[in-house]
């Protein structure tokens, strides 16, 4: 068990092993067998509940605590495990590590000095991180934990601080590059959001402001992008059959978001002002989950109804009525 992390029993099945016993080691994963599947491979057929928030909603329960600033959660169903980042916010692009949590166990350090923020399932089934540490998108092999840079720069210019990623089932990647964790390194290009197509070509989706959270609708025809810090809003774009992005529109005005998640009914979950706010696909607010310090969200658990919330020094969890996507 990693020093400084405190596990607690709760809705997500946290708990401690018997005295004197270490948590069981994670078995080698079936690497390459879990690319981001289309939503129909994740989501049961509808119809779904009118609201994902059960009546008499209880607050999220703590899974573990003792971290510094948690972010970027992603659920790997084949491993029954959540991975998330924990880092120090500083002017020097502070250190960052990747932690893991398996229901019934504890939060443990998985990769030290990873330099990551947002995490997703890579197209090859490994772990893909938006890495502010070296300003890249990097794949971590789940067996060896070795990093391989997937996207190093934009025409030779360093990114600012890669923050969050969305992956389409055909291999298209969408990612944000704000300035938050650039630290004292010089800016070589504007803050932007990008598309990387399966050939490796980059296209600018949004420029200026600090883009942050990013996610796709379950049918992969809409892309949501958050602007946070100056002109706060949630944008939505159309995505065509090849993955190209067009038709920029404002989805929610006046509210930005750090992280995002989406459920199988297409409801969008954003983190803002110590809460998780839930919006229907037509932009109507369905409800609010109090979650002080909430930064990012991802669905997981056996039925994918557990919403995991990275909340500064804690990882929280709450059971909802509609299953969702893994990041």
C-alpha atoms as a PDB file:
ATOM      1  CA  UNK A   1       0.000   0.000   0.000  1.00  0.00           C
ATOM      2  CA  UNK A   2       1.370   3.398  -0.943  1.00  0.00           C
ATOM      3  CA  UNK A   3       2.223   5.654   1.932  1.00  0.00           C
ATOM      4  CA  UNK A   4      -0.168   8.571   2.360  1.00  0.00           C
ATOM      5  CA  UNK A   5      -3.202   6.893   0.790  1.00  0.00           C
ATOM      6  CA  UNK A   6      -6.086   6.033   3.075  1.00  0.00           C
ATOM      7  CA  UNK A   7      -8.694   3.527   1.871  1.00  0.00           C
ATOM      8  CA  UNK A   8     -12.215   3.458   3.220  1.00  0.00           C
ATOM      9  CA  UNK A   9     -15.107   1.084   2.781  1.00  0.00           C
ATOM     10  CA  UNK A  10     -17.978   2.582   0.846  1.00  0.00           C
ATOM     11  CA  UNK A  11     -20.249   2.265  -2.146  1.00  0.00           C
ATOM     12  CA  UNK A  12     -17.341   1.317  -4.378  1.00  0.00           C
ATOM     13  CA  UNK A  13     -16.238  -1.539  -2.173  1.00  0.00           C
ATOM     14  CA  UNK A  14     -13.141   0.011  -0.591  1.00  0.00           C
ATOM     15  CA  UNK A  15     -11.585  -1.647   2.426  1.00  0.00           C
ATOM     16  CA  UNK A  16      -8.370  -2.890   4.003  1.00  0.00           C
ATOM     17  CA  UNK A  17      -6.743  -6.328   3.822  1.00  0.00           C
ATOM     18  CA  UNK A  18      -6.296  -8.341   7.019  1.00  0.00           C
ATOM     19  CA  UNK A  19      -3.583  -7.038   9.327  1.00  0.00           C
ATOM     20  CA  UNK A  20      -0.111  -7.919   8.153  1.00  0.00           C
ATOM     21  CA  UNK A  21      -1.177  -8.696   4.579  1.00  0.00           C
ATOM     22  CA  UNK A  22      -0.326  -6.611   1.548  1.00  0.00           C
ATOM     23  CA  UNK A  23      -2.973  -6.035  -1.126  1.00  0.00           C
ATOM     24  CA  UNK A  24      -2.855  -8.674  -3.857  1.00  0.00           C
ATOM     25  CA  UNK A  25      -0.734  -7.765  -6.872  1.00  0.00           C
ATOM     26  CA  UNK A  26      -2.600  -6.832 -10.025  1.00  0.00           C
ATOM     27  CA  UNK A  27      -2.557  -9.744 -12.519  1.00  0.00           C
ATOM     28  CA  UNK A  28      -1.023  -9.104 -15.944  1.00  0.00           C
ATOM     29  CA  UNK A  29      -3.720  -7.509 -18.107  1.00  0.00           C
ATOM     30  CA  UNK A  30      -4.789  -8.774 -21.521  1.00  0.00           C
ATOM     31  CA  UNK A  31      -2.921  -5.976 -23.284  1.00  0.00           C
ATOM     32  CA  UNK A  32      -4.337  -4.859 -26.602  1.00  0.00           C
ATOM     33  CA  UNK A  33      -7.756  -6.414 -26.014  1.00  0.00           C
ATOM     34  CA  UNK A  34      -9.598  -3.324 -24.783  1.00  0.00           C
ATOM     35  CA  UNK A  35      -9.526  -0.521 -27.331  1.00  0.00           C
ATOM     36  CA  UNK A  36     -12.262   2.033 -26.809  1.00  0.00           C
ATOM     37  CA  UNK A  37     -15.333   0.064 -27.914  1.00  0.00           C
ATOM     38  CA  UNK A  38     -18.312   1.753 -29.523  1.00  0.00           C
ATOM     39  CA  UNK A  39     -20.992   2.626 -26.996  1.00  0.00           C
ATOM     40  CA  UNK A  40     -23.249  -0.221 -28.085  1.00  0.00           C
ATOM     41  CA  UNK A  41     -20.593  -2.612 -26.749  1.00  0.00           C
ATOM     42  CA  UNK A  42     -20.745  -0.825 -23.372  1.00  0.00           C
ATOM     43  CA  UNK A  43     -24.314   0.362 -22.999  1.00  0.00           C
ATOM     44  CA  UNK A  44     -27.343  -1.886 -22.560  1.00  0.00           C
ATOM     45  CA  UNK A  45     -30.302  -1.190 -24.845  1.00  0.00           C
ATOM     46  CA  UNK A  46     -32.658   1.498 -23.594  1.00  0.00           C
ATOM     47  CA  UNK A  47     -34.936   2.953 -22.666  1.00  0.00           C
ATOM     48  CA  UNK A  48     -33.132   4.543 -19.736  1.00  0.00           C
ATOM     49  CA  UNK A  49     -34.447   6.308 -16.654  1.00  0.00           C
ATOM     50  CA  UNK A  50     -35.695   9.861 -17.154  1.00  0.00           C
ATOM     51  CA  UNK A  51     -33.044  11.041 -14.701  1.00  0.00           C
ATOM     52  CA  UNK A  52     -29.778   9.366 -13.734  1.00  0.00           C
ATOM     53  CA  UNK A  53     -30.073  10.743 -10.207  1.00  0.00           C
ATOM     54  CA  UNK A  54     -32.031   8.472  -7.855  1.00  0.00           C
ATOM     55  CA  UNK A  55     -34.671   9.982  -5.575  1.00  0.00           C
ATOM     56  CA  UNK A  56     -33.210  10.930  -2.212  1.00  0.00           C
ATOM     57  CA  UNK A  57     -29.711  11.087  -3.653  1.00  0.00           C
ATOM     58  CA  UNK A  58     -27.073  10.562  -0.965  1.00  0.00           C
ATOM     59  CA  UNK A  59     -23.739  12.387  -1.216  1.00  0.00           C
ATOM     60  CA  UNK A  60     -20.796  10.565  -2.806  1.00  0.00           C
ATOM     61  CA  UNK A  61     -18.844   8.281  -0.483  1.00  0.00           C
ATOM     62  CA  UNK A  62     -15.068   8.449  -0.058  1.00  0.00           C
ATOM     63  CA  UNK A  63     -13.075   5.631  -1.641  1.00  0.00           C
ATOM     64  CA  UNK A  64      -9.637   6.782  -0.553  1.00  0.00           C
ATOM     65  CA  UNK A  65      -7.896   9.970   0.539  1.00  0.00           C
ATOM     66  CA  UNK A  66      -4.458  11.361   1.296  1.00  0.00           C
ATOM     67  CA  UNK A  67      -3.623  12.445  -2.255  1.00  0.00           C
ATOM     68  CA  UNK A  68      -2.626  15.925  -3.472  1.00  0.00           C
ATOM     69  CA  UNK A  69      -4.736  16.766  -6.553  1.00  0.00           C
ATOM     70  CA  UNK A  70      -6.548  13.887  -8.236  1.00  0.00           C
ATOM     71  CA  UNK A  71      -7.551  13.963 -11.898  1.00  0.00           C
ATOM     72  CA  UNK A  72      -8.153  12.061 -15.109  1.00  0.00           C
ATOM     73  CA  UNK A  73      -9.944   8.854 -14.079  1.00  0.00           C
ATOM     74  CA  UNK A  74     -10.502   5.955 -16.507  1.00  0.00           C
ATOM     75  CA  UNK A  75     -12.134   2.544 -15.941  1.00  0.00           C
ATOM     76  CA  UNK A  76     -10.679  -0.659 -17.446  1.00  0.00           C
ATOM     77  CA  UNK A  77     -13.436  -3.281 -17.353  1.00  0.00           C
ATOM     78  CA  UNK A  78     -11.056  -6.126 -18.253  1.00  0.00           C
ATOM     79  CA  UNK A  79      -9.041  -5.363 -15.112  1.00  0.00           C
ATOM     80  CA  UNK A  80     -11.976  -4.285 -12.918  1.00  0.00           C
ATOM     81  CA  UNK A  81      -9.762  -1.313 -12.110  1.00  0.00           C
ATOM     82  CA  UNK A  82      -9.874   2.474 -12.132  1.00  0.00           C
ATOM     83  CA  UNK A  83      -6.713   4.429 -12.938  1.00  0.00           C
ATOM     84  CA  UNK A  84      -6.333   8.110 -12.066  1.00  0.00           C
ATOM     85  CA  UNK A  85      -3.646  10.787 -11.782  1.00  0.00           C
ATOM     86  CA  UNK A  86      -2.422  12.541  -8.653  1.00  0.00           C
ATOM     87  CA  UNK A  87      -0.169  15.571  -8.988  1.00  0.00           C
ATOM     88  CA  UNK A  88       1.129  18.786  -7.494  1.00  0.00           C
ATOM     89  CA  UNK A  89      -0.031  22.058  -9.045  1.00  0.00           C
ATOM     90  CA  UNK A  90       2.938  24.425  -9.253  1.00  0.00           C
ATOM     91  CA  UNK A  91       4.797  26.840 -11.515  1.00  0.00           C
ATOM     92  CA  UNK A  92       7.264  24.069 -12.254  1.00  0.00           C
ATOM     93  CA  UNK A  93       4.899  21.476 -13.704  1.00  0.00           C
ATOM     94  CA  UNK A  94       4.918  19.544 -10.438  1.00  0.00           C
ATOM     95  CA  UNK A  95       5.361  15.787 -10.142  1.00  0.00           C
ATOM     96  CA  UNK A  96       2.516  13.453 -11.093  1.00  0.00           C
ATOM     97  CA  UNK A  97       1.849   9.760 -10.573  1.00  0.00           C
ATOM     98  CA  UNK A  98      -0.790   7.268 -11.684  1.00  0.00           C
ATOM     99  CA  UNK A  99      -2.789   5.460  -8.995  1.00  0.00           C
ATOM    100  CA  UNK A 100      -5.078   2.453  -9.296  1.00  0.00           C
ATOM    101  CA  UNK A 101      -8.176   1.293  -7.440  1.00  0.00           C
ATOM    102  CA  UNK A 102      -9.875  -2.094  -7.677  1.00  0.00           C
ATOM    103  CA  UNK A 103     -13.232  -2.356  -5.843  1.00  0.00           C
ATOM    104  CA  UNK A 104     -12.743  -4.305  -2.636  1.00  0.00           C
ATOM    105  CA  UNK A 105      -9.142  -3.121  -2.395  1.00  0.00           C
ATOM    106  CA  UNK A 106      -7.278   0.094  -1.816  1.00  0.00           C
ATOM    107  CA  UNK A 107      -5.846   2.933  -3.859  1.00  0.00           C
ATOM    108  CA  UNK A 108      -2.255   2.111  -4.760  1.00  0.00           C
ATOM    109  CA  UNK A 109       0.536   3.751  -6.695  1.00  0.00           C
ATOM    110  CA  UNK A 110       0.723   2.183 -10.154  1.00  0.00           C
ATOM    111  CA  UNK A 111       3.279   4.349 -11.985  1.00  0.00           C
ATOM    112  CA  UNK A 112       5.406   6.916 -10.120  1.00  0.00           C
ATOM    113  CA  UNK A 113       6.603  10.052 -11.899  1.00  0.00           C
ATOM    114  CA  UNK A 114       4.151   9.550 -14.754  1.00  0.00           C
ATOM    115  CA  UNK A 115       3.669  13.263 -15.428  1.00  0.00           C
ATOM    116  CA  UNK A 116       0.011  12.754 -16.393  1.00  0.00           C
ATOM    117  CA  UNK A 117      -3.284  14.572 -16.074  1.00  0.00           C
ATOM    118  CA  UNK A 118      -6.161  13.063 -18.107  1.00  0.00           C
ATOM    119  CA  UNK A 119      -6.159   9.302 -18.766  1.00  0.00           C
ATOM    120  CA  UNK A 120      -8.093   7.215 -21.311  1.00  0.00           C
ATOM    121  CA  UNK A 121      -8.004   3.797 -22.962  1.00  0.00           C
ATOM    122  CA  UNK A 122      -5.530   3.989 -25.853  1.00  0.00           C
ATOM    123  CA  UNK A 123      -6.500   2.717 -29.315  1.00  0.00           C
ATOM    124  CA  UNK A 124      -4.255  -0.327 -28.674  1.00  0.00           C
ATOM    125  CA  UNK A 125      -5.914  -1.068 -25.307  1.00  0.00           C
ATOM    126  CA  UNK A 126      -3.154   0.297 -23.093  1.00  0.00           C
ATOM    127  CA  UNK A 127      -3.251   3.436 -20.935  1.00  0.00           C
ATOM    128  CA  UNK A 128      -3.027   6.781 -22.759  1.00  0.00           C
ATOM    129  CA  UNK A 129      -2.155   9.890 -20.772  1.00  0.00           C
ATOM    130  CA  UNK A 130      -2.208  13.625 -21.430  1.00  0.00           C
ATOM    131  CA  UNK A 131       1.230  14.264 -20.042  1.00  0.00           C
ATOM    132  CA  UNK A 132       2.001  17.772 -18.821  1.00  0.00           C
ATOM    133  CA  UNK A 133       5.334  16.513 -17.491  1.00  0.00           C
ATOM    134  CA  UNK A 134       6.911  16.333 -20.960  1.00  0.00           C
ATOM    135  CA  UNK A 135       4.081  18.055 -22.890  1.00  0.00           C
ATOM    136  CA  UNK A 136       3.070  14.976 -24.911  1.00  0.00           C
ATOM    137  CA  UNK A 137       0.396  12.333 -25.312  1.00  0.00           C
ATOM    138  CA  UNK A 138       1.998   9.129 -24.062  1.00  0.00           C
ATOM    139  CA  UNK A 139       0.937   5.468 -23.997  1.00  0.00           C
ATOM    140  CA  UNK A 140       1.874   3.434 -20.901  1.00  0.00           C
ATOM    141  CA  UNK A 141       2.150  -0.316 -21.399  1.00  0.00           C
ATOM    142  CA  UNK A 142      -0.031  -1.915 -18.721  1.00  0.00           C
ATOM    143  CA  UNK A 143       2.328  -4.865 -18.280  1.00  0.00           C
ATOM    144  CA  UNK A 144       5.724  -3.164 -18.294  1.00  0.00           C
ATOM    145  CA  UNK A 145       4.519   0.342 -17.350  1.00  0.00           C
ATOM    146  CA  UNK A 146       6.972   1.705 -19.920  1.00  0.00           C
ATOM    147  CA  UNK A 147       5.993   4.978 -21.658  1.00  0.00           C
ATOM    148  CA  UNK A 148       5.901   5.449 -25.428  1.00  0.00           C
ATOM    149  CA  UNK A 149       5.222   8.911 -26.813  1.00  0.00           C
ATOM    150  CA  UNK A 150       2.305   8.857 -29.257  1.00  0.00           C
ATOM    151  CA  UNK A 151       2.036  12.584 -30.047  1.00  0.00           C
ATOM    152  CA  UNK A 152       5.228  14.522 -29.351  1.00  0.00           C
ATOM    153  CA  UNK A 153       4.521  17.997 -30.750  1.00  0.00           C
ATOM    154  CA  UNK A 154       2.748  20.025 -33.409  1.00  0.00           C
ATOM    155  CA  UNK A 155       5.079  20.618 -36.393  1.00  0.00           C
ATOM    156  CA  UNK A 156       8.071  20.676 -34.061  1.00  0.00           C
ATOM    157  CA  UNK A 157       6.490  23.052 -31.544  1.00  0.00           C
ATOM    158  CA  UNK A 158       5.936  21.807 -28.002  1.00  0.00           C
ATOM    159  CA  UNK A 159       2.408  21.638 -26.663  1.00  0.00           C
ATOM    160  CA  UNK A 160       1.593  23.741 -23.603  1.00  0.00           C
ATOM    161  CA  UNK A 161       0.146  21.341 -21.021  1.00  0.00           C
ATOM    162  CA  UNK A 162      -1.855  18.442 -22.522  1.00  0.00           C
ATOM    163  CA  UNK A 163      -4.834  18.068 -20.227  1.00  0.00           C
ATOM    164  CA  UNK A 164      -7.617  15.739 -21.332  1.00  0.00           C
ATOM    165  CA  UNK A 165      -8.347  13.271 -24.155  1.00  0.00           C
ATOM    166  CA  UNK A 166     -11.331  11.650 -25.858  1.00  0.00           C
ATOM    167  CA  UNK A 167     -10.900   8.544 -28.028  1.00  0.00           C
ATOM    168  CA  UNK A 168     -13.283   7.469 -30.778  1.00  0.00           C
ATOM    169  CA  UNK A 169     -13.686   3.773 -31.547  1.00  0.00           C
ATOM    170  CA  UNK A 170     -12.148   4.260 -35.019  1.00  0.00           C
ATOM    171  CA  UNK A 171      -8.887   5.632 -33.570  1.00  0.00           C
ATOM    172  CA  UNK A 172      -9.557   9.377 -33.836  1.00  0.00           C
ATOM    173  CA  UNK A 173      -8.208  11.248 -30.796  1.00  0.00           C
ATOM    174  CA  UNK A 174      -9.375  14.622 -29.500  1.00  0.00           C
ATOM    175  CA  UNK A 175      -7.371  16.441 -26.829  1.00  0.00           C
ATOM    176  CA  UNK A 176      -7.063  19.773 -25.048  1.00  0.00           C
ATOM    177  CA  UNK A 177      -3.879  21.769 -24.509  1.00  0.00           C
ATOM    178  CA  UNK A 178      -4.367  24.608 -21.998  1.00  0.00           C
ATOM    179  CA  UNK A 179      -1.592  26.422 -20.136  1.00  0.00           C
ATOM    180  CA  UNK A 180      -2.407  25.418 -16.534  1.00  0.00           C
ATOM    181  CA  UNK A 181       0.586  23.127 -15.914  1.00  0.00           C
ATOM    182  CA  UNK A 182       3.032  24.562 -18.426  1.00  0.00           C
ATOM    183  CA  UNK A 183       4.810  26.089 -15.458  1.00  0.00           C
ATOM    184  CA  UNK A 184       7.742  28.337 -16.325  1.00  0.00           C
ATOM    185  CA  UNK A 185       8.322  26.749 -19.708  1.00  0.00           C
ATOM    186  CA  UNK A 186       7.894  29.122 -22.659  1.00  0.00           C
ATOM    187  CA  UNK A 187       4.739  28.995 -24.763  1.00  0.00           C
ATOM    188  CA  UNK A 188       5.610  27.768 -28.276  1.00  0.00           C
ATOM    189  CA  UNK A 189       2.052  27.903 -29.653  1.00  0.00           C
ATOM    190  CA  UNK A 190      -1.424  29.068 -28.589  1.00  0.00           C
ATOM    191  CA  UNK A 191      -3.633  27.097 -26.227  1.00  0.00           C
ATOM    192  CA  UNK A 192      -5.889  24.872 -28.344  1.00  0.00           C
ATOM    193  CA  UNK A 193      -7.960  21.739 -28.696  1.00  0.00           C
ATOM    194  CA  UNK A 194      -6.945  19.260 -31.409  1.00  0.00           C
ATOM    195  CA  UNK A 195      -8.110  16.295 -33.413  1.00  0.00           C
ATOM    196  CA  UNK A 196      -5.550  13.633 -34.305  1.00  0.00           C
ATOM    197  CA  UNK A 197      -6.876  11.402 -37.084  1.00  0.00           C
ATOM    198  CA  UNK A 198      -5.872   7.735 -37.480  1.00  0.00           C
ATOM    199  CA  UNK A 199      -3.105   8.723 -39.936  1.00  0.00           C
ATOM    200  CA  UNK A 200      -1.494  10.925 -37.261  1.00  0.00           C
ATOM    201  CA  UNK A 201      -2.454  14.289 -38.792  1.00  0.00           C
ATOM    202  CA  UNK A 202      -3.402  17.083 -36.369  1.00  0.00           C
ATOM    203  CA  UNK A 203      -6.248  19.558 -36.909  1.00  0.00           C
ATOM    204  CA  UNK A 204      -7.045  22.521 -34.641  1.00  0.00           C
ATOM    205  CA  UNK A 205     -10.599  22.363 -33.242  1.00  0.00           C
ATOM    206  CA  UNK A 206     -10.540  25.403 -30.957  1.00  0.00           C
ATOM    207  CA  UNK A 207      -7.934  28.111 -30.366  1.00  0.00           C
ATOM    208  CA  UNK A 208      -7.558  30.633 -27.565  1.00  0.00           C
ATOM    209  CA  UNK A 209      -8.821  30.443 -24.030  1.00  0.00           C
ATOM    210  CA  UNK A 210      -8.057  27.425 -21.887  1.00  0.00           C
ATOM    211  CA  UNK A 211      -9.773  24.325 -23.234  1.00  0.00           C
ATOM    212  CA  UNK A 212     -10.034  21.669 -20.563  1.00  0.00           C
ATOM    213  CA  UNK A 213     -12.517  18.777 -20.360  1.00  0.00           C
ATOM    214  CA  UNK A 214     -13.399  16.916 -23.563  1.00  0.00           C
ATOM    215  CA  UNK A 215     -15.672  13.964 -24.306  1.00  0.00           C
ATOM    216  CA  UNK A 216     -17.741  12.319 -27.045  1.00  0.00           C
ATOM    217  CA  UNK A 217     -21.431  11.494 -27.096  1.00  0.00           C
ATOM    218  CA  UNK A 218     -22.268   7.772 -26.909  1.00  0.00           C
ATOM    219  CA  UNK A 219     -22.938   7.605 -30.674  1.00  0.00           C
ATOM    220  CA  UNK A 220     -19.677   9.529 -31.327  1.00  0.00           C
ATOM    221  CA  UNK A 221     -21.434  12.177 -33.447  1.00  0.00           C
ATOM    222  CA  UNK A 222     -20.979  15.044 -30.969  1.00  0.00           C
ATOM    223  CA  UNK A 223     -17.849  16.352 -29.254  1.00  0.00           C
ATOM    224  CA  UNK A 224     -18.070  18.401 -26.055  1.00  0.00           C
ATOM    225  CA  UNK A 225     -15.238  20.788 -25.108  1.00  0.00           C
ATOM    226  CA  UNK A 226     -14.986  22.928 -21.988  1.00  0.00           C
ATOM    227  CA  UNK A 227     -13.581  26.453 -21.836  1.00  0.00           C
ATOM    228  CA  UNK A 228     -12.443  27.169 -18.284  1.00  0.00           C
ATOM    229  CA  UNK A 229     -10.879  30.425 -17.199  1.00  0.00           C
ATOM    230  CA  UNK A 230     -12.104  33.340 -19.292  1.00  0.00           C
ATOM    231  CA  UNK A 231     -15.307  32.906 -21.270  1.00  0.00           C
ATOM    232  CA  UNK A 232     -16.428  29.877 -19.287  1.00  0.00           C
ATOM    233  CA  UNK A 233     -18.725  27.661 -21.341  1.00  0.00           C
ATOM    234  CA  UNK A 234     -19.297  24.174 -22.680  1.00  0.00           C
ATOM    235  CA  UNK A 235     -19.028  23.908 -26.464  1.00  0.00           C
ATOM    236  CA  UNK A 236     -20.476  21.187 -28.674  1.00  0.00           C
ATOM    237  CA  UNK A 237     -19.358  20.247 -32.187  1.00  0.00           C
ATOM    238  CA  UNK A 238     -20.731  17.895 -34.813  1.00  0.00           C
ATOM    239  CA  UNK A 239     -18.484  14.932 -35.695  1.00  0.00           C
ATOM    240  CA  UNK A 240     -18.821  13.335 -39.127  1.00  0.00           C
ATOM    241  CA  UNK A 241     -18.333   9.697 -40.142  1.00  0.00           C
ATOM    242  CA  UNK A 242     -14.579  10.175 -40.610  1.00  0.00           C
ATOM    243  CA  UNK A 243     -14.171  11.985 -37.281  1.00  0.00           C
ATOM    244  CA  UNK A 244     -13.867  15.542 -38.610  1.00  0.00           C
ATOM    245  CA  UNK A 245     -15.315  18.285 -36.396  1.00  0.00           C
ATOM    246  CA  UNK A 246     -17.557  21.200 -37.440  1.00  0.00           C
ATOM    247  CA  UNK A 247     -20.523  23.391 -36.431  1.00  0.00           C
ATOM    248  CA  UNK A 248     -19.222  24.924 -33.186  1.00  0.00           C
ATOM    249  CA  UNK A 249     -22.076  25.809 -30.823  1.00  0.00           C
ATOM    250  CA  UNK A 250     -22.456  26.802 -27.188  1.00  0.00           C
ATOM    251  CA  UNK A 251     -24.018  23.958 -25.210  1.00  0.00           C
ATOM    252  CA  UNK A 252     -23.948  25.574 -21.729  1.00  0.00           C
ATOM    253  CA  UNK A 253     -23.118  29.271 -21.307  1.00  0.00           C
ATOM    254  CA  UNK A 254     -21.449  30.780 -18.252  1.00  0.00           C
ATOM    255  CA  UNK A 255     -20.205  27.505 -16.795  1.00  0.00           C
ATOM    256  CA  UNK A 256     -16.901  25.862 -17.598  1.00  0.00           C
ATOM    257  CA  UNK A 257     -15.772  22.439 -16.498  1.00  0.00           C
ATOM    258  CA  UNK A 258     -12.571  20.750 -15.498  1.00  0.00           C
ATOM    259  CA  UNK A 259     -13.478  17.161 -16.398  1.00  0.00           C
ATOM    260  CA  UNK A 260     -16.428  15.535 -18.142  1.00  0.00           C
ATOM    261  CA  UNK A 261     -18.192  12.195 -18.454  1.00  0.00           C
ATOM    262  CA  UNK A 262     -21.180  10.966 -20.411  1.00  0.00           C
ATOM    263  CA  UNK A 263     -23.760   8.289 -19.675  1.00  0.00           C
ATOM    264  CA  UNK A 264     -25.478   5.853 -22.029  1.00  0.00           C
ATOM    265  CA  UNK A 265     -28.503   8.152 -22.410  1.00  0.00           C
ATOM    266  CA  UNK A 266     -26.229  10.950 -23.616  1.00  0.00           C
ATOM    267  CA  UNK A 267     -26.424  13.002 -20.411  1.00  0.00           C
ATOM    268  CA  UNK A 268     -23.310  15.116 -19.836  1.00  0.00           C
ATOM    269  CA  UNK A 269     -21.600  15.349 -16.420  1.00  0.00           C
ATOM    270  CA  UNK A 270     -19.380  18.362 -15.762  1.00  0.00           C
ATOM    271  CA  UNK A 271     -17.369  19.395 -12.705  1.00  0.00           C
ATOM    272  CA  UNK A 272     -17.810  22.993 -11.565  1.00  0.00           C
ATOM    273  CA  UNK A 273     -17.755  24.905  -8.271  1.00  0.00           C
ATOM    274  CA  UNK A 274     -17.516  21.879  -5.997  1.00  0.00           C
ATOM    275  CA  UNK A 275     -20.282  19.975  -7.756  1.00  0.00           C
ATOM    276  CA  UNK A 276     -20.979  17.546 -10.570  1.00  0.00           C
ATOM    277  CA  UNK A 277     -23.692  19.068 -12.756  1.00  0.00           C
ATOM    278  CA  UNK A 278     -25.757  16.854 -15.059  1.00  0.00           C
ATOM    279  CA  UNK A 279     -27.194  18.072 -18.382  1.00  0.00           C
ATOM    280  CA  UNK A 280     -29.511  16.304 -20.811  1.00  0.00           C
ATOM    281  CA  UNK A 281     -28.475  16.026 -24.484  1.00  0.00           C
ATOM    282  CA  UNK A 282     -30.559  19.147 -25.233  1.00  0.00           C
ATOM    283  CA  UNK A 283     -28.745  21.203 -22.567  1.00  0.00           C
ATOM    284  CA  UNK A 284     -31.327  21.084 -19.756  1.00  0.00           C
ATOM    285  CA  UNK A 285     -29.876  20.735 -16.276  1.00  0.00           C
ATOM    286  CA  UNK A 286     -31.148  17.521 -14.672  1.00  0.00           C
ATOM    287  CA  UNK A 287     -29.554  17.935 -11.266  1.00  0.00           C
ATOM    288  CA  UNK A 288     -26.469  18.589  -9.189  1.00  0.00           C
ATOM    289  CA  UNK A 289     -24.309  16.218  -7.139  1.00  0.00           C
ATOM    290  CA  UNK A 290     -22.468  18.010  -4.291  1.00  0.00           C
ATOM    291  CA  UNK A 291     -18.805  16.986  -4.460  1.00  0.00           C
ATOM    292  CA  UNK A 292     -16.391  19.505  -2.911  1.00  0.00           C
ATOM    293  CA  UNK A 293     -13.179  19.684  -4.893  1.00  0.00           C
ATOM    294  CA  UNK A 294     -14.568  17.726  -7.852  1.00  0.00           C
ATOM    295  CA  UNK A 295     -12.181  17.880 -10.823  1.00  0.00           C
ATOM    296  CA  UNK A 296     -12.996  14.910 -13.057  1.00  0.00           C
ATOM    297  CA  UNK A 297     -15.445  12.036 -13.422  1.00  0.00           C
ATOM    298  CA  UNK A 298     -15.668   8.587 -15.019  1.00  0.00           C
ATOM    299  CA  UNK A 299     -18.123   5.691 -14.946  1.00  0.00           C
ATOM    300  CA  UNK A 300     -17.035   2.239 -13.802  1.00  0.00           C
ATOM    301  CA  UNK A 301     -17.948  -0.718 -11.649  1.00  0.00           C
ATOM    302  CA  UNK A 302     -19.471  -4.049 -12.615  1.00  0.00           C
ATOM    303  CA  UNK A 303     -22.539  -2.454 -14.236  1.00  0.00           C
ATOM    304  CA  UNK A 304     -20.823   0.869 -15.099  1.00  0.00           C
ATOM    305  CA  UNK A 305     -23.262   2.718 -12.829  1.00  0.00           C
ATOM    306  CA  UNK A 306     -20.621   3.897 -10.357  1.00  0.00           C
ATOM    307  CA  UNK A 307     -19.620   7.495 -11.012  1.00  0.00           C
ATOM    308  CA  UNK A 308     -16.071   7.943  -9.738  1.00  0.00           C
ATOM    309  CA  UNK A 309     -15.175  11.542  -8.863  1.00  0.00           C
ATOM    310  CA  UNK A 310     -11.606  12.772  -8.461  1.00  0.00           C
ATOM    311  CA  UNK A 311     -11.912  15.476  -5.807  1.00  0.00           C
ATOM    312  CA  UNK A 312      -8.609  17.129  -4.885  1.00  0.00           C
ATOM    313  CA  UNK A 313      -7.206  14.932  -2.084  1.00  0.00           C
ATOM    314  CA  UNK A 314      -9.906  12.241  -2.420  1.00  0.00           C
ATOM    315  CA  UNK A 315     -11.465   9.737  -4.767  1.00  0.00           C
ATOM    316  CA  UNK A 316     -15.260   9.622  -4.326  1.00  0.00           C
ATOM    317  CA  UNK A 317     -17.946   7.305  -5.719  1.00  0.00           C
ATOM    318  CA  UNK A 318     -21.711   7.388  -6.117  1.00  0.00           C
ATOM    319  CA  UNK A 319     -24.175   4.895  -7.632  1.00  0.00           C
ATOM    320  CA  UNK A 320     -26.454   6.279 -10.360  1.00  0.00           C
ATOM    321  CA  UNK A 321     -29.475   4.995 -12.276  1.00  0.00           C
ATOM    322  CA  UNK A 322     -27.921   5.024 -15.771  1.00  0.00           C
ATOM    323  CA  UNK A 323     -24.641   3.373 -16.776  1.00  0.00           C
ATOM    324  CA  UNK A 324     -21.957   5.411 -18.501  1.00  0.00           C
ATOM    325  CA  UNK A 325     -18.739   5.402 -20.479  1.00  0.00           C
ATOM    326  CA  UNK A 326     -15.360   4.683 -18.895  1.00  0.00           C
ATOM    327  CA  UNK A 327     -13.888   8.219 -19.099  1.00  0.00           C
END
